[in-house]
N, C-alpha and C. Protein backbone atom coordinates (compact mmCIF):
# COMPACT_ATOMS: atom_id res chain seq x y z
N UNK A 1 -9.90 17.85 41.13
CA UNK A 1 -9.14 16.62 41.08
C UNK A 1 -7.68 16.98 41.37
N UNK A 2 -7.12 16.33 42.32
CA UNK A 2 -5.75 16.62 42.73
C UNK A 2 -4.79 15.63 42.10
N UNK A 3 -3.51 15.91 42.25
CA UNK A 3 -2.48 15.03 41.72
C UNK A 3 -2.54 13.66 42.38
N UNK A 4 -2.89 13.65 43.66
CA UNK A 4 -3.00 12.39 44.40
C UNK A 4 -4.11 11.52 43.81
N UNK A 5 -5.24 12.15 43.44
CA UNK A 5 -6.34 11.41 42.83
C UNK A 5 -5.97 10.85 41.45
N UNK A 6 -5.21 11.64 40.70
CA UNK A 6 -4.79 11.19 39.37
C UNK A 6 -3.85 10.00 39.49
N UNK A 7 -2.91 10.05 40.43
CA UNK A 7 -1.98 8.95 40.61
C UNK A 7 -2.66 7.68 41.10
N UNK A 8 -3.71 7.82 41.86
CA UNK A 8 -4.47 6.65 42.35
C UNK A 8 -5.48 6.15 41.33
N UNK A 9 -5.59 6.87 40.21
CA UNK A 9 -6.56 6.54 39.15
C UNK A 9 -7.99 6.57 39.67
N UNK A 10 -8.30 7.57 40.48
CA UNK A 10 -9.64 7.71 41.03
C UNK A 10 -10.67 7.95 39.92
N UNK A 11 -10.23 8.56 38.81
CA UNK A 11 -11.19 8.85 37.73
C UNK A 11 -11.69 7.57 37.07
N UNK A 12 -10.96 6.47 37.23
CA UNK A 12 -11.39 5.21 36.64
C UNK A 12 -12.15 4.33 37.63
N UNK A 13 -12.28 4.81 38.89
CA UNK A 13 -12.98 4.02 39.90
C UNK A 13 -14.16 4.78 40.50
N UNK A 14 -14.34 6.00 40.09
CA UNK A 14 -15.37 6.82 40.72
C UNK A 14 -16.74 6.62 40.10
N UNK A 15 -17.61 7.62 40.32
CA UNK A 15 -18.99 7.56 39.85
C UNK A 15 -19.10 7.62 38.33
N UNK A 16 -18.22 8.41 37.71
CA UNK A 16 -18.29 8.55 36.26
C UNK A 16 -17.24 7.68 35.57
N UNK A 17 -16.95 6.54 36.13
CA UNK A 17 -15.89 5.67 35.62
C UNK A 17 -16.23 5.12 34.23
N UNK A 18 -17.50 4.81 33.99
CA UNK A 18 -17.89 4.24 32.69
C UNK A 18 -17.57 5.21 31.56
N UNK A 19 -17.90 6.46 31.75
CA UNK A 19 -17.64 7.48 30.74
C UNK A 19 -16.13 7.63 30.50
N UNK A 20 -15.36 7.61 31.57
CA UNK A 20 -13.91 7.74 31.44
C UNK A 20 -13.29 6.52 30.76
N UNK A 21 -13.80 5.32 31.10
CA UNK A 21 -13.29 4.12 30.45
C UNK A 21 -13.59 4.15 28.94
N UNK A 22 -14.78 4.58 28.57
CA UNK A 22 -15.12 4.69 27.15
C UNK A 22 -14.22 5.70 26.44
N UNK A 23 -13.93 6.79 27.12
CA UNK A 23 -13.05 7.80 26.54
C UNK A 23 -11.65 7.22 26.31
N UNK A 24 -11.12 6.51 27.31
CA UNK A 24 -9.81 5.89 27.16
C UNK A 24 -9.80 4.81 26.08
N UNK A 25 -10.88 4.05 26.01
CA UNK A 25 -10.99 3.03 24.96
C UNK A 25 -11.01 3.69 23.58
N UNK A 26 -11.73 4.80 23.45
CA UNK A 26 -11.75 5.53 22.18
C UNK A 26 -10.37 6.04 21.79
N UNK A 27 -9.62 6.56 22.76
CA UNK A 27 -8.26 7.03 22.49
C UNK A 27 -7.37 5.87 22.07
N UNK A 28 -7.52 4.73 22.72
CA UNK A 28 -6.73 3.55 22.39
C UNK A 28 -7.03 3.07 20.98
N UNK A 29 -8.30 3.01 20.62
CA UNK A 29 -8.69 2.59 19.27
C UNK A 29 -8.13 3.57 18.24
N UNK A 30 -8.22 4.87 18.53
CA UNK A 30 -7.68 5.88 17.64
C UNK A 30 -6.17 5.70 17.45
N UNK A 31 -5.46 5.40 18.53
CA UNK A 31 -4.01 5.20 18.44
C UNK A 31 -3.67 4.00 17.58
N UNK A 32 -4.40 2.89 17.76
CA UNK A 32 -4.14 1.70 16.95
C UNK A 32 -4.42 1.96 15.48
N UNK A 33 -5.51 2.64 15.18
CA UNK A 33 -5.84 2.95 13.79
C UNK A 33 -4.77 3.87 13.19
N UNK A 34 -4.32 4.84 13.95
CA UNK A 34 -3.29 5.76 13.47
C UNK A 34 -1.98 5.03 13.18
N UNK A 35 -1.57 4.15 14.07
CA UNK A 35 -0.35 3.37 13.85
C UNK A 35 -0.49 2.46 12.64
N UNK A 36 -1.64 1.82 12.51
CA UNK A 36 -1.86 0.92 11.39
C UNK A 36 -1.83 1.68 10.06
N UNK A 37 -2.47 2.84 10.01
CA UNK A 37 -2.49 3.63 8.77
C UNK A 37 -1.09 4.14 8.41
N UNK A 38 -0.30 4.51 9.38
CA UNK A 38 1.06 4.95 9.07
C UNK A 38 1.90 3.78 8.57
N UNK A 39 1.67 2.60 9.12
CA UNK A 39 2.38 1.41 8.66
C UNK A 39 2.00 1.09 7.21
N UNK A 40 0.72 1.16 6.89
CA UNK A 40 0.25 0.90 5.53
C UNK A 40 0.83 1.91 4.56
N UNK A 41 0.86 3.18 4.96
CA UNK A 41 1.39 4.21 4.06
C UNK A 41 2.90 4.02 3.84
N UNK A 42 3.63 3.57 4.86
CA UNK A 42 5.05 3.29 4.68
C UNK A 42 5.26 2.15 3.69
N UNK A 43 4.46 1.11 3.80
CA UNK A 43 4.57 -0.02 2.88
C UNK A 43 4.31 0.45 1.45
N UNK A 44 3.31 1.30 1.27
CA UNK A 44 3.00 1.80 -0.06
C UNK A 44 4.11 2.70 -0.59
N UNK A 45 4.73 3.49 0.28
CA UNK A 45 5.82 4.36 -0.15
C UNK A 45 7.03 3.54 -0.60
N UNK A 46 7.34 2.47 0.12
CA UNK A 46 8.45 1.59 -0.27
C UNK A 46 8.14 0.93 -1.60
N UNK A 47 6.92 0.46 -1.76
CA UNK A 47 6.52 -0.19 -3.01
C UNK A 47 6.59 0.81 -4.17
N UNK A 48 6.17 2.04 -3.92
CA UNK A 48 6.20 3.06 -4.96
C UNK A 48 7.63 3.39 -5.37
N UNK A 49 8.54 3.45 -4.41
CA UNK A 49 9.94 3.74 -4.76
C UNK A 49 10.55 2.59 -5.55
N UNK A 50 10.20 1.35 -5.20
CA UNK A 50 10.68 0.20 -5.97
C UNK A 50 10.15 0.24 -7.40
N UNK A 51 8.87 0.57 -7.55
CA UNK A 51 8.28 0.64 -8.90
C UNK A 51 8.88 1.79 -9.69
N UNK A 52 9.20 2.90 -9.04
CA UNK A 52 9.83 4.02 -9.73
C UNK A 52 11.21 3.63 -10.24
N UNK A 53 11.97 2.93 -9.41
CA UNK A 53 13.30 2.46 -9.84
C UNK A 53 13.18 1.47 -11.00
N UNK A 54 12.22 0.58 -10.92
CA UNK A 54 11.99 -0.39 -12.00
C UNK A 54 11.58 0.33 -13.28
N UNK A 55 10.74 1.36 -13.14
CA UNK A 55 10.31 2.14 -14.30
C UNK A 55 11.50 2.83 -14.96
N UNK A 56 12.39 3.41 -14.17
CA UNK A 56 13.59 4.06 -14.72
C UNK A 56 14.48 3.05 -15.43
N UNK A 57 14.64 1.88 -14.84
CA UNK A 57 15.48 0.85 -15.46
C UNK A 57 14.90 0.41 -16.79
N UNK A 58 13.59 0.15 -16.81
CA UNK A 58 12.94 -0.29 -18.05
C UNK A 58 12.97 0.81 -19.11
N UNK A 59 12.83 2.06 -18.68
CA UNK A 59 12.88 3.18 -19.63
C UNK A 59 14.26 3.29 -20.27
N UNK A 60 15.31 3.15 -19.47
CA UNK A 60 16.66 3.23 -20.04
C UNK A 60 16.93 2.04 -20.96
N UNK A 61 16.42 0.87 -20.60
CA UNK A 61 16.57 -0.31 -21.46
C UNK A 61 15.84 -0.09 -22.78
N UNK A 62 14.65 0.50 -22.71
CA UNK A 62 13.87 0.78 -23.92
C UNK A 62 14.62 1.74 -24.83
N UNK A 63 15.18 2.80 -24.25
CA UNK A 63 15.89 3.80 -25.05
C UNK A 63 17.13 3.19 -25.70
N UNK A 64 17.87 2.38 -24.96
CA UNK A 64 19.08 1.77 -25.53
C UNK A 64 18.72 0.77 -26.63
N UNK A 65 17.67 -0.02 -26.44
CA UNK A 65 17.26 -0.97 -27.48
C UNK A 65 16.75 -0.25 -28.71
N UNK A 66 16.05 0.85 -28.51
CA UNK A 66 15.52 1.61 -29.64
C UNK A 66 16.66 2.22 -30.44
N UNK A 67 17.67 2.76 -29.77
CA UNK A 67 18.80 3.34 -30.49
C UNK A 67 19.60 2.26 -31.22
N UNK A 68 19.74 1.07 -30.60
CA UNK A 68 20.42 -0.03 -31.26
C UNK A 68 19.66 -0.48 -32.51
N UNK A 69 18.34 -0.55 -32.42
CA UNK A 69 17.52 -0.93 -33.56
C UNK A 69 17.63 0.10 -34.68
N UNK A 70 17.65 1.38 -34.32
CA UNK A 70 17.79 2.42 -35.33
C UNK A 70 19.14 2.32 -36.04
N UNK A 71 20.19 1.97 -35.30
CA UNK A 71 21.50 1.79 -35.91
C UNK A 71 21.49 0.60 -36.88
N UNK A 72 20.82 -0.47 -36.49
CA UNK A 72 20.78 -1.65 -37.35
C UNK A 72 19.92 -1.44 -38.59
N UNK A 73 19.00 -0.49 -38.56
CA UNK A 73 18.13 -0.24 -39.70
C UNK A 73 18.72 0.74 -40.69
N UNK A 74 19.89 1.27 -40.40
CA UNK A 74 20.52 2.20 -41.33
C UNK A 74 20.81 1.49 -42.65
N UNK A 75 20.68 2.25 -43.73
CA UNK A 75 20.86 1.67 -45.06
C UNK A 75 22.25 1.05 -45.20
N UNK A 76 23.28 1.74 -44.72
CA UNK A 76 24.64 1.22 -44.87
C UNK A 76 24.83 -0.09 -44.11
N UNK A 77 24.25 -0.20 -42.92
CA UNK A 77 24.37 -1.45 -42.15
C UNK A 77 23.62 -2.59 -42.84
N UNK A 78 22.46 -2.30 -43.40
CA UNK A 78 21.69 -3.34 -44.10
C UNK A 78 22.46 -3.80 -45.33
N UNK A 79 23.03 -2.85 -46.08
CA UNK A 79 23.81 -3.21 -47.27
C UNK A 79 25.04 -4.04 -46.91
N UNK A 80 25.70 -3.70 -45.80
CA UNK A 80 26.86 -4.48 -45.38
C UNK A 80 26.48 -5.91 -45.05
N UNK A 81 25.35 -6.10 -44.38
CA UNK A 81 24.91 -7.45 -44.05
C UNK A 81 24.51 -8.23 -45.29
N UNK A 82 23.85 -7.55 -46.25
CA UNK A 82 23.42 -8.23 -47.47
C UNK A 82 24.60 -8.53 -48.38
N UNK A 83 25.65 -7.70 -48.34
CA UNK A 83 26.83 -7.91 -49.18
C UNK A 83 27.50 -9.23 -48.82
N UNK A 84 27.51 -9.57 -47.55
CA UNK A 84 28.12 -10.83 -47.12
C UNK A 84 27.33 -12.04 -47.60
N UNK A 85 26.02 -11.87 -47.85
CA UNK A 85 25.19 -12.98 -48.32
C UNK A 85 25.16 -13.08 -49.84
N UNK A 86 25.89 -12.22 -50.56
CA UNK A 86 25.96 -12.31 -52.02
C UNK A 86 25.04 -11.35 -52.73
N UNK A 87 24.32 -10.50 -52.05
CA UNK A 87 23.47 -9.52 -52.71
C UNK A 87 24.33 -8.34 -53.16
N UNK A 88 23.89 -7.71 -54.26
CA UNK A 88 24.62 -6.53 -54.72
C UNK A 88 23.79 -5.28 -54.45
N UNK A 89 24.49 -4.18 -54.32
CA UNK A 89 23.82 -2.91 -54.04
C UNK A 89 23.44 -2.29 -55.38
N UNK A 90 22.16 -1.91 -55.55
CA UNK A 90 21.75 -1.32 -56.84
C UNK A 90 22.42 0.04 -57.05
N UNK A 91 22.67 0.35 -58.34
CA UNK A 91 23.31 1.62 -58.68
C UNK A 91 22.32 2.79 -58.62
N UNK A 92 21.06 2.51 -58.90
CA UNK A 92 20.05 3.58 -58.85
C UNK A 92 19.00 3.21 -57.81
N UNK A 93 18.34 4.21 -57.24
CA UNK A 93 17.34 3.93 -56.20
C UNK A 93 16.12 3.23 -56.76
N UNK A 94 15.36 2.57 -55.92
CA UNK A 94 14.17 1.87 -56.42
C UNK A 94 13.10 2.86 -56.89
N UNK A 95 12.29 2.39 -57.83
CA UNK A 95 11.23 3.21 -58.39
C UNK A 95 9.91 2.72 -57.82
N UNK A 96 9.08 3.66 -57.40
CA UNK A 96 7.78 3.29 -56.84
C UNK A 96 6.77 3.23 -57.98
N UNK A 97 6.03 2.13 -58.04
CA UNK A 97 5.01 1.96 -59.08
C UNK A 97 3.68 2.38 -58.50
N UNK A 98 3.01 3.28 -59.20
CA UNK A 98 1.71 3.76 -58.73
C UNK A 98 0.64 3.27 -59.71
N UNK A 99 -0.43 2.74 -59.17
CA UNK A 99 -1.55 2.26 -59.98
C UNK A 99 -2.67 3.27 -59.94
N UNK A 100 -3.25 3.53 -61.09
CA UNK A 100 -4.40 4.43 -61.13
C UNK A 100 -5.67 3.62 -61.02
N UNK A 101 -6.58 4.09 -60.24
CA UNK A 101 -7.83 3.36 -60.05
C UNK A 101 -8.93 3.94 -60.86
């Protein structure tokens, strides 16, 4: 097969044209599937990066809320809030009552 035959596309008009057309069709289908799969994987990568950023944001929000809650649960903070409502702070710690069964 010479360069002249290739430029005239003789391989697609000759005796074995059916086989060559099927081969080209197979390559075309493979190319479309490859492009489609790369497009799908890009979409998933973008979605994954968005979810990772959202996860980091929610994690930092969780940590800050947890530390704020721990600060509010401190004994001194609770006593300060109760003092404003008229409660008094006991002089001795509470006693736990245990029942025997």
